[in-house]
Amino acid sequence: MRYELKAALLRAGLRPSDSPAADVIVDGPKGLFLYEVLGADRSTYADLRAGAARLMEIEHLESRAIDHRFLVLSEPPTEGWAAGALRGVFGVGTVWRTADGWEGPDSPIALHLPD
């Protein structure tokens, strides 16, 4: 998933990179983006909540302010309400991979898609 995410960001004209703590980080025209990639079969709310906590920990360790935080999943969240809960409670966006590309309520901003 990490490489697929990086490929999508490269296609959007960005330069994704790793950091000592984060899966992927992008410093682009829309700010500093931080991504945590969850593995296969990690799409329950409990998994997403743990990923959101990890993003908050990484943000605390970064020397720069993070503008956007995203979880990247290999499938839609198990609970349909989970993505909205993560956005509301933690301020973390959610995107997931599909056979046709990417989906999720935060995919346009997370993947730097044209407005």
PDB file of N, CA and C in Angstrom:
ATOM      1  N   MET A   1       0.815  -1.190   0.000  1.00  0.00           N
ATOM      2  CA  MET A   1       0.000   0.000   0.000  1.00  0.00           C
ATOM      3  C   MET A   1       0.864   1.261   0.000  1.00  0.00           C
ATOM      4  N   ARG A   2       1.951   1.230   0.722  1.00  0.00           N
ATOM      5  CA  ARG A   2       2.812   2.407   0.795  1.00  0.00           C
ATOM      6  C   ARG A   2       3.314   2.800  -0.593  1.00  0.00           C
ATOM      7  N   TYR A   3       3.734   1.813  -1.378  1.00  0.00           N
ATOM      8  CA  TYR A   3       4.255   2.109  -2.711  1.00  0.00           C
ATOM      9  C   TYR A   3       3.157   2.581  -3.658  1.00  0.00           C
ATOM     10  N   GLU A   4       1.962   2.038  -3.502  1.00  0.00           N
ATOM     11  CA  GLU A   4       0.844   2.507  -4.323  1.00  0.00           C
ATOM     12  C   GLU A   4       0.488   3.950  -3.977  1.00  0.00           C
ATOM     13  N   LEU A   5       0.527   4.279  -2.702  1.00  0.00           N
ATOM     14  CA  LEU A   5       0.281   5.650  -2.275  1.00  0.00           C
ATOM     15  C   LEU A   5       1.345   6.579  -2.849  1.00  0.00           C
ATOM     16  N   LYS A   6       2.603   6.188  -2.712  1.00  0.00           N
ATOM     17  CA  LYS A   6       3.682   7.025  -3.237  1.00  0.00           C
ATOM     18  C   LYS A   6       3.550   7.217  -4.748  1.00  0.00           C
ATOM     19  N   ALA A   7       3.175   6.166  -5.451  1.00  0.00           N
ATOM     20  CA  ALA A   7       2.991   6.272  -6.902  1.00  0.00           C
ATOM     21  C   ALA A   7       1.884   7.266  -7.231  1.00  0.00           C
ATOM     22  N   ALA A   8       0.781   7.210  -6.503  1.00  0.00           N
ATOM     23  CA  ALA A   8      -0.324   8.147  -6.744  1.00  0.00           C
ATOM     24  C   ALA A   8       0.109   9.585  -6.474  1.00  0.00           C
ATOM     25  N   LEU A   9       0.884   9.786  -5.434  1.00  0.00           N
ATOM     26  CA  LEU A   9       1.363  11.130  -5.116  1.00  0.00           C
ATOM     27  C   LEU A   9       2.370  11.624  -6.150  1.00  0.00           C
ATOM     28  N   LEU A  10       3.218  10.729  -6.628  1.00  0.00           N
ATOM     29  CA  LEU A  10       4.155  11.100  -7.703  1.00  0.00           C
ATOM     30  C   LEU A  10       3.404  11.501  -8.968  1.00  0.00           C
ATOM     31  N   ARG A  11       2.348  10.747  -9.297  1.00  0.00           N
ATOM     32  CA  ARG A  11       1.537  11.079 -10.471  1.00  0.00           C
ATOM     33  C   ARG A  11       0.861  12.443 -10.318  1.00  0.00           C
ATOM     34  N   ALA A  12       0.638  12.858  -9.087  1.00  0.00           N
ATOM     35  CA  ALA A  12       0.033  14.172  -8.826  1.00  0.00           C
ATOM     36  C   ALA A  12       1.088  15.287  -8.861  1.00  0.00           C
ATOM     37  N   GLY A  13       2.331  14.916  -9.161  1.00  0.00           N
ATOM     38  CA  GLY A  13       3.390  15.908  -9.274  1.00  0.00           C
ATOM     39  C   GLY A  13       4.084  16.250  -7.975  1.00  0.00           C
ATOM     40  N   LEU A  14       3.924  15.399  -6.954  1.00  0.00           N
ATOM     41  CA  LEU A  14       4.529  15.651  -5.650  1.00  0.00           C
ATOM     42  C   LEU A  14       5.741  14.758  -5.424  1.00  0.00           C
ATOM     43  N   ARG A  15       6.458  15.035  -4.359  1.00  0.00           N
ATOM     44  CA  ARG A  15       7.644  14.253  -4.018  1.00  0.00           C
ATOM     45  C   ARG A  15       7.458  13.627  -2.633  1.00  0.00           C
ATOM     46  N   PRO A  16       6.761  12.486  -2.558  1.00  0.00           N
ATOM     47  CA  PRO A  16       6.574  11.834  -1.256  1.00  0.00           C
ATOM     48  C   PRO A  16       7.899  11.293  -0.740  1.00  0.00           C
ATOM     49  N   SER A  17       8.032  11.284   0.570  1.00  0.00           N
ATOM     50  CA  SER A  17       9.250  10.740   1.169  1.00  0.00           C
ATOM     51  C   SER A  17       8.909  10.055   2.483  1.00  0.00           C
ATOM     52  N   ASP A  18       9.871   9.329   2.980  1.00  0.00           N
ATOM     53  CA  ASP A  18       9.764   8.703   4.288  1.00  0.00           C
ATOM     54  C   ASP A  18      10.363   9.666   5.313  1.00  0.00           C
ATOM     55  N   SER A  19       9.987   9.482   6.537  1.00  0.00           N
ATOM     56  CA  SER A  19      10.641  10.190   7.632  1.00  0.00           C
ATOM     57  C   SER A  19      11.052   9.112   8.621  1.00  0.00           C
ATOM     58  N   PRO A  20      11.840   9.454   9.610  1.00  0.00           N
ATOM     59  CA  PRO A  20      12.231   8.415  10.578  1.00  0.00           C
ATOM     60  C   PRO A  20      11.041   7.753  11.276  1.00  0.00           C
ATOM     61  N   ALA A  21       9.897   8.454  11.346  1.00  0.00           N
ATOM     62  CA  ALA A  21       8.756   7.908  12.079  1.00  0.00           C
ATOM     63  C   ALA A  21       7.548   7.606  11.202  1.00  0.00           C
ATOM     64  N   ALA A  22       7.361   8.362  10.116  1.00  0.00           N
ATOM     65  CA  ALA A  22       6.132   8.264   9.333  1.00  0.00           C
ATOM     66  C   ALA A  22       6.283   7.321   8.150  1.00  0.00           C
ATOM     67  N   ASP A  23       5.152   6.748   7.721  1.00  0.00           N
ATOM     68  CA  ASP A  23       5.164   5.923   6.512  1.00  0.00           C
ATOM     69  C   ASP A  23       5.451   6.775   5.285  1.00  0.00           C
ATOM     70  N   VAL A  24       4.717   7.869   5.140  1.00  0.00           N
ATOM     71  CA  VAL A  24       4.908   8.776   4.005  1.00  0.00           C
ATOM     72  C   VAL A  24       4.644  10.193   4.498  1.00  0.00           C
ATOM     73  N   ILE A  25       5.444  11.114   3.997  1.00  0.00           N
ATOM     74  CA  ILE A  25       5.250  12.523   4.304  1.00  0.00           C
ATOM     75  C   ILE A  25       5.414  13.302   3.000  1.00  0.00           C
ATOM     76  N   VAL A  26       4.585  14.328   2.815  1.00  0.00           N
ATOM     77  CA  VAL A  26       4.640  15.154   1.612  1.00  0.00           C
ATOM     78  C   VAL A  26       4.588  16.615   2.034  1.00  0.00           C
ATOM     79  N   ASP A  27       5.561  17.365   1.580  1.00  0.00           N
ATOM     80  CA  ASP A  27       5.561  18.804   1.783  1.00  0.00           C
ATOM     81  C   ASP A  27       5.278  19.422   0.430  1.00  0.00           C
ATOM     82  N   GLY A  28       4.053  19.886   0.245  1.00  0.00           N
ATOM     83  CA  GLY A  28       3.637  20.385  -1.058  1.00  0.00           C
ATOM     84  C   GLY A  28       2.923  21.712  -0.969  1.00  0.00           C
ATOM     85  N   PRO A  29       2.346  22.134  -2.062  1.00  0.00           N
ATOM     86  CA  PRO A  29       1.698  23.452  -2.111  1.00  0.00           C
ATOM     87  C   PRO A  29       0.474  23.577  -1.192  1.00  0.00           C
ATOM     88  N   LYS A  30      -0.100  22.467  -0.785  1.00  0.00           N
ATOM     89  CA  LYS A  30      -1.267  22.511   0.104  1.00  0.00           C
ATOM     90  C   LYS A  30      -0.883  22.231   1.552  1.00  0.00           C
ATOM     91  N   GLY A  31       0.416  22.234   1.864  1.00  0.00           N
ATOM     92  CA  GLY A  31       0.874  22.048   3.230  1.00  0.00           C
ATOM     93  C   GLY A  31       1.639  20.761   3.434  1.00  0.00           C
ATOM     94  N   LEU A  32       1.875  20.453   4.691  1.00  0.00           N
ATOM     95  CA  LEU A  32       2.607  19.253   5.079  1.00  0.00           C
ATOM     96  C   LEU A  32       1.611  18.136   5.391  1.00  0.00           C
ATOM     97  N   PHE A  33       1.717  17.027   4.655  1.00  0.00           N
ATOM     98  CA  PHE A  33       0.799  15.897   4.761  1.00  0.00           C
ATOM     99  C   PHE A  33       1.517  14.714   5.371  1.00  0.00           C
ATOM    100  N   LEU A  34       0.855  14.040   6.305  1.00  0.00           N
ATOM    101  CA  LEU A  34       1.405  12.876   6.985  1.00  0.00           C
ATOM    102  C   LEU A  34       0.460  11.700   6.757  1.00  0.00           C
ATOM    103  N   TYR A  35       1.030  10.550   6.363  1.00  0.00           N
ATOM    104  CA  TYR A  35       0.229   9.367   6.053  1.00  0.00           C
ATOM    105  C   TYR A  35       0.692   8.180   6.886  1.00  0.00           C
ATOM    106  N   GLU A  36      -0.264   7.460   7.439  1.00  0.00           N
ATOM    107  CA  GLU A  36      -0.007   6.197   8.131  1.00  0.00           C
ATOM    108  C   GLU A  36      -0.722   5.113   7.337  1.00  0.00           C
ATOM    109  N   VAL A  37       0.029   4.148   6.853  1.00  0.00           N
ATOM    110  CA  VAL A  37      -0.518   3.076   6.031  1.00  0.00           C
ATOM    111  C   VAL A  37      -0.801   1.872   6.924  1.00  0.00           C
ATOM    112  N   LEU A  38      -2.057   1.441   6.948  1.00  0.00           N
ATOM    113  CA  LEU A  38      -2.427   0.261   7.715  1.00  0.00           C
ATOM    114  C   LEU A  38      -2.401  -0.954   6.799  1.00  0.00           C
ATOM    115  N   GLY A  39      -1.978  -2.075   7.321  1.00  0.00           N
ATOM    116  CA  GLY A  39      -1.863  -3.292   6.523  1.00  0.00           C
ATOM    117  C   GLY A  39      -3.201  -3.940   6.225  1.00  0.00           C
ATOM    118  N   ALA A  40      -3.130  -5.017   5.474  1.00  0.00           N
ATOM    119  CA  ALA A  40      -4.332  -5.778   5.117  1.00  0.00           C
ATOM    120  C   ALA A  40      -5.047  -6.251   6.381  1.00  0.00           C
ATOM    121  N   ASP A  41      -6.355  -6.309   6.293  1.00  0.00           N
ATOM    122  CA  ASP A  41      -7.206  -6.771   7.405  1.00  0.00           C
ATOM    123  C   ASP A  41      -7.071  -5.890   8.647  1.00  0.00           C
ATOM    124  N   ARG A  42      -6.755  -4.613   8.446  1.00  0.00           N
ATOM    125  CA  ARG A  42      -6.696  -3.663   9.557  1.00  0.00           C
ATOM    126  C   ARG A  42      -7.631  -2.502   9.246  1.00  0.00           C
ATOM    127  N   SER A  43      -8.924  -2.826   9.162  1.00  0.00           N
ATOM    128  CA  SER A  43      -9.886  -1.802   8.771  1.00  0.00           C
ATOM    129  C   SER A  43     -11.047  -1.649   9.755  1.00  0.00           C
ATOM    130  N   THR A  44     -10.940  -2.248  10.941  1.00  0.00           N
ATOM    131  CA  THR A  44     -11.975  -2.043  11.951  1.00  0.00           C
ATOM    132  C   THR A  44     -11.762  -0.691  12.628  1.00  0.00           C
ATOM    133  N   TYR A  45     -12.782  -0.219  13.310  1.00  0.00           N
ATOM    134  CA  TYR A  45     -12.637   1.064  13.988  1.00  0.00           C
ATOM    135  C   TYR A  45     -11.501   1.026  14.996  1.00  0.00           C
ATOM    136  N   ALA A  46     -11.341  -0.091  15.699  1.00  0.00           N
ATOM    137  CA  ALA A  46     -10.241  -0.204  16.670  1.00  0.00           C
ATOM    138  C   ALA A  46      -8.884  -0.045  15.973  1.00  0.00           C
ATOM    139  N   ASP A  47      -8.733  -0.630  14.784  1.00  0.00           N
ATOM    140  CA  ASP A  47      -7.492  -0.476  14.017  1.00  0.00           C
ATOM    141  C   ASP A  47      -7.286   0.977  13.605  1.00  0.00           C
ATOM    142  N   LEU A  48      -8.351   1.590  13.126  1.00  0.00           N
ATOM    143  CA  LEU A  48      -8.257   2.972  12.674  1.00  0.00           C
ATOM    144  C   LEU A  48      -7.971   3.912  13.836  1.00  0.00           C
ATOM    145  N   ARG A  49      -8.584   3.672  14.963  1.00  0.00           N
ATOM    146  CA  ARG A  49      -8.334   4.490  16.160  1.00  0.00           C
ATOM    147  C   ARG A  49      -6.870   4.381  16.576  1.00  0.00           C
ATOM    148  N   ALA A  50      -6.309   3.175  16.533  1.00  0.00           N
ATOM    149  CA  ALA A  50      -4.886   2.987  16.857  1.00  0.00           C
ATOM    150  C   ALA A  50      -4.006   3.714  15.840  1.00  0.00           C
ATOM    151  N   GLY A  51      -4.383   3.670  14.568  1.00  0.00           N
ATOM    152  CA  GLY A  51      -3.632   4.395  13.546  1.00  0.00           C
ATOM    153  C   GLY A  51      -3.690   5.899  13.753  1.00  0.00           C
ATOM    154  N   ALA A  52      -4.859   6.406  14.145  1.00  0.00           N
ATOM    155  CA  ALA A  52      -5.005   7.837  14.413  1.00  0.00           C
ATOM    156  C   ALA A  52      -4.125   8.251  15.590  1.00  0.00           C
ATOM    157  N   ALA A  53      -4.072   7.425  16.621  1.00  0.00           N
ATOM    158  CA  ALA A  53      -3.201   7.725  17.762  1.00  0.00           C
ATOM    159  C   ALA A  53      -1.739   7.739  17.324  1.00  0.00           C
ATOM    160  N   ARG A  54      -1.371   6.826  16.452  1.00  0.00           N
ATOM    161  CA  ARG A  54       0.002   6.789  15.922  1.00  0.00           C
ATOM    162  C   ARG A  54       0.318   8.080  15.159  1.00  0.00           C
ATOM    163  N   LEU A  55      -0.610   8.549  14.333  1.00  0.00           N
ATOM    164  CA  LEU A  55      -0.403   9.802  13.613  1.00  0.00           C
ATOM    165  C   LEU A  55      -0.211  10.976  14.577  1.00  0.00           C
ATOM    166  N   MET A  56      -0.977  10.993  15.642  1.00  0.00           N
ATOM    167  CA  MET A  56      -0.848  12.065  16.621  1.00  0.00           C
ATOM    168  C   MET A  56       0.503  11.996  17.329  1.00  0.00           C
ATOM    169  N   GLU A  57       0.983  10.798  17.610  1.00  0.00           N
ATOM    170  CA  GLU A  57       2.310  10.633  18.204  1.00  0.00           C
ATOM    171  C   GLU A  57       3.393  11.135  17.252  1.00  0.00           C
ATOM    172  N   ILE A  58       3.288  10.754  15.989  1.00  0.00           N
ATOM    173  CA  ILE A  58       4.276  11.186  14.996  1.00  0.00           C
ATOM    174  C   ILE A  58       4.255  12.706  14.879  1.00  0.00           C
ATOM    175  N   GLU A  59       3.068  13.281  14.846  1.00  0.00           N
ATOM    176  CA  GLU A  59       2.954  14.735  14.753  1.00  0.00           C
ATOM    177  C   GLU A  59       3.644  15.407  15.938  1.00  0.00           C
ATOM    178  N   HIS A  60       3.505  14.833  17.095  1.00  0.00           N
ATOM    179  CA  HIS A  60       4.140  15.376  18.297  1.00  0.00           C
ATOM    180  C   HIS A  60       5.666  15.344  18.172  1.00  0.00           C
ATOM    181  N   LEU A  61       6.196  14.326  17.492  1.00  0.00           N
ATOM    182  CA  LEU A  61       7.649  14.178  17.339  1.00  0.00           C
ATOM    183  C   LEU A  61       8.232  15.045  16.228  1.00  0.00           C
ATOM    184  N   GLU A  62       7.412  15.421  15.251  1.00  0.00           N
ATOM    185  CA  GLU A  62       7.894  16.213  14.111  1.00  0.00           C
ATOM    186  C   GLU A  62       8.269  17.619  14.560  1.00  0.00           C
ATOM    187  N   SER A  63       9.296  18.142  13.948  1.00  0.00           N
ATOM    188  CA  SER A  63       9.724  19.498  14.276  1.00  0.00           C
ATOM    189  C   SER A  63       8.869  20.553  13.564  1.00  0.00           C
ATOM    190  N   ARG A  64       8.129  20.122  12.532  1.00  0.00           N
ATOM    191  CA  ARG A  64       7.275  21.037  11.785  1.00  0.00           C
ATOM    192  C   ARG A  64       5.810  20.746  12.092  1.00  0.00           C
ATOM    193  N   ALA A  65       4.975  21.750  11.927  1.00  0.00           N
ATOM    194  CA  ALA A  65       3.537  21.558  12.126  1.00  0.00           C
ATOM    195  C   ALA A  65       2.964  20.761  10.949  1.00  0.00           C
ATOM    196  N   ILE A  66       2.129  19.795  11.239  1.00  0.00           N
ATOM    197  CA  ILE A  66       1.480  18.973  10.223  1.00  0.00           C
ATOM    198  C   ILE A  66       0.143  19.628   9.878  1.00  0.00           C
ATOM    199  N   ASP A  67      -0.096  19.821   8.592  1.00  0.00           N
ATOM    200  CA  ASP A  67      -1.345  20.442   8.154  1.00  0.00           C
ATOM    201  C   ASP A  67      -2.471  19.433   7.968  1.00  0.00           C
ATOM    202  N   HIS A  68      -2.129  18.206   7.522  1.00  0.00           N
ATOM    203  CA  HIS A  68      -3.142  17.185   7.244  1.00  0.00           C
ATOM    204  C   HIS A  68      -2.597  15.815   7.627  1.00  0.00           C
ATOM    205  N   ARG A  69      -3.471  14.994   8.231  1.00  0.00           N
ATOM    206  CA  ARG A  69      -3.106  13.617   8.621  1.00  0.00           C
ATOM    207  C   ARG A  69      -4.107  12.651   8.001  1.00  0.00           C
ATOM    208  N   PHE A  70      -3.574  11.533   7.460  1.00  0.00           N
ATOM    209  CA  PHE A  70      -4.429  10.561   6.787  1.00  0.00           C
ATOM    210  C   PHE A  70      -4.043   9.138   7.128  1.00  0.00           C
ATOM    211  N   LEU A  71      -5.065   8.289   7.261  1.00  0.00           N
ATOM    212  CA  LEU A  71      -4.866   6.841   7.306  1.00  0.00           C
ATOM    213  C   LEU A  71      -5.120   6.308   5.915  1.00  0.00           C
ATOM    214  N   VAL A  72      -4.292   5.367   5.502  1.00  0.00           N
ATOM    215  CA  VAL A  72      -4.412   4.751   4.183  1.00  0.00           C
ATOM    216  C   VAL A  72      -4.695   3.270   4.402  1.00  0.00           C
ATOM    217  N   LEU A  73      -5.830   2.794   3.867  1.00  0.00           N
ATOM    218  CA  LEU A  73      -6.281   1.422   4.077  1.00  0.00           C
ATOM    219  C   LEU A  73      -6.240   0.643   2.773  1.00  0.00           C
ATOM    220  N   SER A  74      -6.194  -0.664   2.900  1.00  0.00           N
ATOM    221  CA  SER A  74      -6.222  -1.521   1.709  1.00  0.00           C
ATOM    222  C   SER A  74      -7.653  -1.899   1.317  1.00  0.00           C
ATOM    223  N   GLU A  75      -8.620  -1.482   2.132  1.00  0.00           N
ATOM    224  CA  GLU A  75     -10.029  -1.781   1.886  1.00  0.00           C
ATOM    225  C   GLU A  75     -10.876  -0.764   2.641  1.00  0.00           C
ATOM    226  N   PRO A  76     -12.154  -0.654   2.336  1.00  0.00           N
ATOM    227  CA  PRO A  76     -13.001   0.291   3.080  1.00  0.00           C
ATOM    228  C   PRO A  76     -13.065  -0.089   4.558  1.00  0.00           C
ATOM    229  N   PRO A  77     -13.296   0.894   5.426  1.00  0.00           N
ATOM    230  CA  PRO A  77     -13.453   0.572   6.844  1.00  0.00           C
ATOM    231  C   PRO A  77     -14.594  -0.423   7.051  1.00  0.00           C
ATOM    232  N   THR A  78     -14.423  -1.311   8.001  1.00  0.00           N
ATOM    233  CA  THR A  78     -15.431  -2.318   8.299  1.00  0.00           C
ATOM    234  C   THR A  78     -16.747  -1.668   8.710  1.00  0.00           C
ATOM    235  N   GLU A  79     -16.668  -0.652   9.550  1.00  0.00           N
ATOM    236  CA  GLU A  79     -17.842   0.081   9.994  1.00  0.00           C
ATOM    237  C   GLU A  79     -17.995   1.316   9.114  1.00  0.00           C
ATOM    238  N   GLY A  80     -19.144   1.482   8.499  1.00  0.00           N
ATOM    239  CA  GLY A  80     -19.366   2.596   7.582  1.00  0.00           C
ATOM    240  C   GLY A  80     -19.201   3.967   8.212  1.00  0.00           C
ATOM    241  N   TRP A  81     -19.412   4.075   9.492  1.00  0.00           N
ATOM    242  CA  TRP A  81     -19.333   5.351  10.195  1.00  0.00           C
ATOM    243  C   TRP A  81     -17.914   5.702  10.637  1.00  0.00           C
ATOM    244  N   ALA A  82     -16.973   4.767  10.518  1.00  0.00           N
ATOM    245  CA  ALA A  82     -15.632   4.933  11.092  1.00  0.00           C
ATOM    246  C   ALA A  82     -14.871   6.128  10.523  1.00  0.00           C
ATOM    247  N   ALA A  83     -14.916   6.335   9.206  1.00  0.00           N
ATOM    248  CA  ALA A  83     -14.165   7.446   8.606  1.00  0.00           C
ATOM    249  C   ALA A  83     -14.661   8.788   9.140  1.00  0.00           C
ATOM    250  N   GLY A  84     -15.960   8.937   9.265  1.00  0.00           N
ATOM    251  CA  GLY A  84     -16.509  10.171   9.814  1.00  0.00           C
ATOM    252  C   GLY A  84     -16.133  10.378  11.268  1.00  0.00           C
ATOM    253  N   ALA A  85     -16.123   9.303  12.025  1.00  0.00           N
ATOM    254  CA  ALA A  85     -15.736   9.395  13.435  1.00  0.00           C
ATOM    255  C   ALA A  85     -14.275   9.816  13.572  1.00  0.00           C
ATOM    256  N   LEU A  86     -13.399   9.243  12.742  1.00  0.00           N
ATOM    257  CA  LEU A  86     -11.983   9.623  12.806  1.00  0.00           C
ATOM    258  C   LEU A  86     -11.788  11.092  12.473  1.00  0.00           C
ATOM    259  N   ARG A  87     -12.507  11.562  11.470  1.00  0.00           N
ATOM    260  CA  ARG A  87     -12.411  12.973  11.085  1.00  0.00           C
ATOM    261  C   ARG A  87     -12.900  13.851  12.237  1.00  0.00           C
ATOM    262  N   GLY A  88     -14.048  13.510  12.814  1.00  0.00           N
ATOM    263  CA  GLY A  88     -14.623  14.333  13.872  1.00  0.00           C
ATOM    264  C   GLY A  88     -13.861  14.301  15.183  1.00  0.00           C
ATOM    265  N   VAL A  89     -13.420  13.139  15.590  1.00  0.00           N
ATOM    266  CA  VAL A  89     -12.769  12.986  16.893  1.00  0.00           C
ATOM    267  C   VAL A  89     -11.283  13.336  16.846  1.00  0.00           C
ATOM    268  N   PHE A  90     -10.583  12.846  15.826  1.00  0.00           N
ATOM    269  CA  PHE A  90      -9.129  12.990  15.763  1.00  0.00           C
ATOM    270  C   PHE A  90      -8.642  13.987  14.706  1.00  0.00           C
ATOM    271  N   GLY A  91      -9.522  14.429  13.812  1.00  0.00           N
ATOM    272  CA  GLY A  91      -9.074  15.290  12.727  1.00  0.00           C
ATOM    273  C   GLY A  91      -8.216  14.551  11.719  1.00  0.00           C
ATOM    274  N   VAL A  92      -8.464  13.245  11.568  1.00  0.00           N
ATOM    275  CA  VAL A  92      -7.686  12.384  10.678  1.00  0.00           C
ATOM    276  C   VAL A  92      -8.563  11.950   9.513  1.00  0.00           C
ATOM    277  N   GLY A  93      -8.072  12.128   8.294  1.00  0.00           N
ATOM    278  CA  GLY A  93      -8.780  11.698   7.107  1.00  0.00           C
ATOM    279  C   GLY A  93      -8.522  10.225   6.813  1.00  0.00           C
ATOM    280  N   THR A  94      -9.367   9.646   5.984  1.00  0.00           N
ATOM    281  CA  THR A  94      -9.264   8.229   5.639  1.00  0.00           C
ATOM    282  C   THR A  94      -9.440   8.038   4.140  1.00  0.00           C
ATOM    283  N   VAL A  95      -8.545   7.246   3.552  1.00  0.00           N
ATOM    284  CA  VAL A  95      -8.651   6.849   2.144  1.00  0.00           C
ATOM    285  C   VAL A  95      -8.362   5.357   2.054  1.00  0.00           C
ATOM    286  N   TRP A  96      -8.882   4.729   1.012  1.00  0.00           N
ATOM    287  CA  TRP A  96      -8.608   3.308   0.831  1.00  0.00           C
ATOM    288  C   TRP A  96      -8.490   2.980  -0.646  1.00  0.00           C
ATOM    289  N   ARG A  97      -7.795   1.902  -0.883  1.00  0.00           N
ATOM    290  CA  ARG A  97      -7.524   1.432  -2.243  1.00  0.00           C
ATOM    291  C   ARG A  97      -8.677   0.567  -2.714  1.00  0.00           C
ATOM    292  N   THR A  98      -9.037   0.745  -3.993  1.00  0.00           N
ATOM    293  CA  THR A  98     -10.040  -0.101  -4.629  1.00  0.00           C
ATOM    294  C   THR A  98      -9.442  -0.645  -5.921  1.00  0.00           C
ATOM    295  N   ALA A  99     -10.163  -1.528  -6.581  1.00  0.00           N
ATOM    296  CA  ALA A  99      -9.685  -2.071  -7.858  1.00  0.00           C
ATOM    297  C   ALA A  99      -9.574  -0.980  -8.918  1.00  0.00           C
ATOM    298  N   ASP A 100     -10.379   0.081  -8.775  1.00  0.00           N
ATOM    299  CA  ASP A 100     -10.393   1.159  -9.759  1.00  0.00           C
ATOM    300  C   ASP A 100      -9.576   2.381  -9.359  1.00  0.00           C
ATOM    301  N   GLY A 101      -8.956   2.358  -8.210  1.00  0.00           N
ATOM    302  CA  GLY A 101      -8.183   3.522  -7.760  1.00  0.00           C
ATOM    303  C   GLY A 101      -8.306   3.728  -6.267  1.00  0.00           C
ATOM    304  N   TRP A 102      -8.692   4.937  -5.883  1.00  0.00           N
ATOM    305  CA  TRP A 102      -8.793   5.319  -4.475  1.00  0.00           C
ATOM    306  C   TRP A 102     -10.181   5.853  -4.182  1.00  0.00           C
ATOM    307  N   GLU A 103     -10.630   5.600  -2.965  1.00  0.00           N
ATOM    308  CA  GLU A 103     -11.918   6.119  -2.507  1.00  0.00           C
ATOM    309  C   GLU A 103     -11.772   6.602  -1.082  1.00  0.00           C
ATOM    310  N   GLY A 104     -12.847   7.125  -0.588  1.00  0.00           N
ATOM    311  CA  GLY A 104     -12.898   7.629   0.775  1.00  0.00           C
ATOM    312  C   GLY A 104     -13.242   9.103   0.759  1.00  0.00           C
ATOM    313  N   PRO A 105     -13.857   9.580   1.825  1.00  0.00           N
ATOM    314  CA  PRO A 105     -14.312  10.969   1.859  1.00  0.00           C
ATOM    315  C   PRO A 105     -13.172  11.974   1.747  1.00  0.00           C
ATOM    316  N   ASP A 106     -11.968  11.564   2.068  1.00  0.00           N
ATOM    317  CA  ASP A 106     -10.840  12.490   2.069  1.00  0.00           C
ATOM    318  C   ASP A 106      -9.876  12.250   0.900  1.00  0.00           C
ATOM    319  N   SER A 107     -10.263  11.400  -0.063  1.00  0.00           N
ATOM    320  CA  SER A 107      -9.341  11.074  -1.144  1.00  0.00           C
ATOM    321  C   SER A 107      -8.957  12.281  -2.006  1.00  0.00           C
ATOM    322  N   PRO A 108      -9.847  13.232  -2.314  1.00  0.00           N
ATOM    323  CA  PRO A 108      -9.410  14.355  -3.151  1.00  0.00           C
ATOM    324  C   PRO A 108      -8.257  15.149  -2.535  1.00  0.00           C
ATOM    325  N   ILE A 109      -8.364  15.483  -1.254  1.00  0.00           N
ATOM    326  CA  ILE A 109      -7.297  16.258  -0.631  1.00  0.00           C
ATOM    327  C   ILE A 109      -6.080  15.383  -0.322  1.00  0.00           C
ATOM    328  N   ALA A 110      -6.295  14.143   0.126  1.00  0.00           N
ATOM    329  CA  ALA A 110      -5.178  13.261   0.486  1.00  0.00           C
ATOM    330  C   ALA A 110      -4.296  12.937  -0.701  1.00  0.00           C
ATOM    331  N   LEU A 111      -4.915  12.788  -1.870  1.00  0.00           N
ATOM    332  CA  LEU A 111      -4.167  12.381  -3.055  1.00  0.00           C
ATOM    333  C   LEU A 111      -3.912  13.555  -4.000  1.00  0.00           C
ATOM    334  N   HIS A 112      -4.219  14.767  -3.529  1.00  0.00           N
ATOM    335  CA  HIS A 112      -3.961  15.991  -4.291  1.00  0.00           C
ATOM    336  C   HIS A 112      -4.618  15.948  -5.664  1.00  0.00           C
ATOM    337  N   LEU A 113      -5.860  15.492  -5.686  1.00  0.00           N
ATOM    338  CA  LEU A 113      -6.602  15.441  -6.932  1.00  0.00           C
ATOM    339  C   LEU A 113      -7.074  16.846  -7.296  1.00  0.00           C
ATOM    340  N   PRO A 114      -7.231  17.124  -8.582  1.00  0.00           N
ATOM    341  CA  PRO A 114      -7.698  18.474  -8.985  1.00  0.00           C
ATOM    342  C   PRO A 114      -9.062  18.771  -8.381  1.00  0.00           C
ATOM    343  N   ASP A 115      -9.266  20.033  -8.072  1.00  0.00           N
ATOM    344  CA  ASP A 115     -10.551  20.464  -7.500  1.00  0.00           C
ATOM    345  C   ASP A 115     -11.661  20.420  -8.519  1.00  0.00           C
TER     346      ASP A 115
END
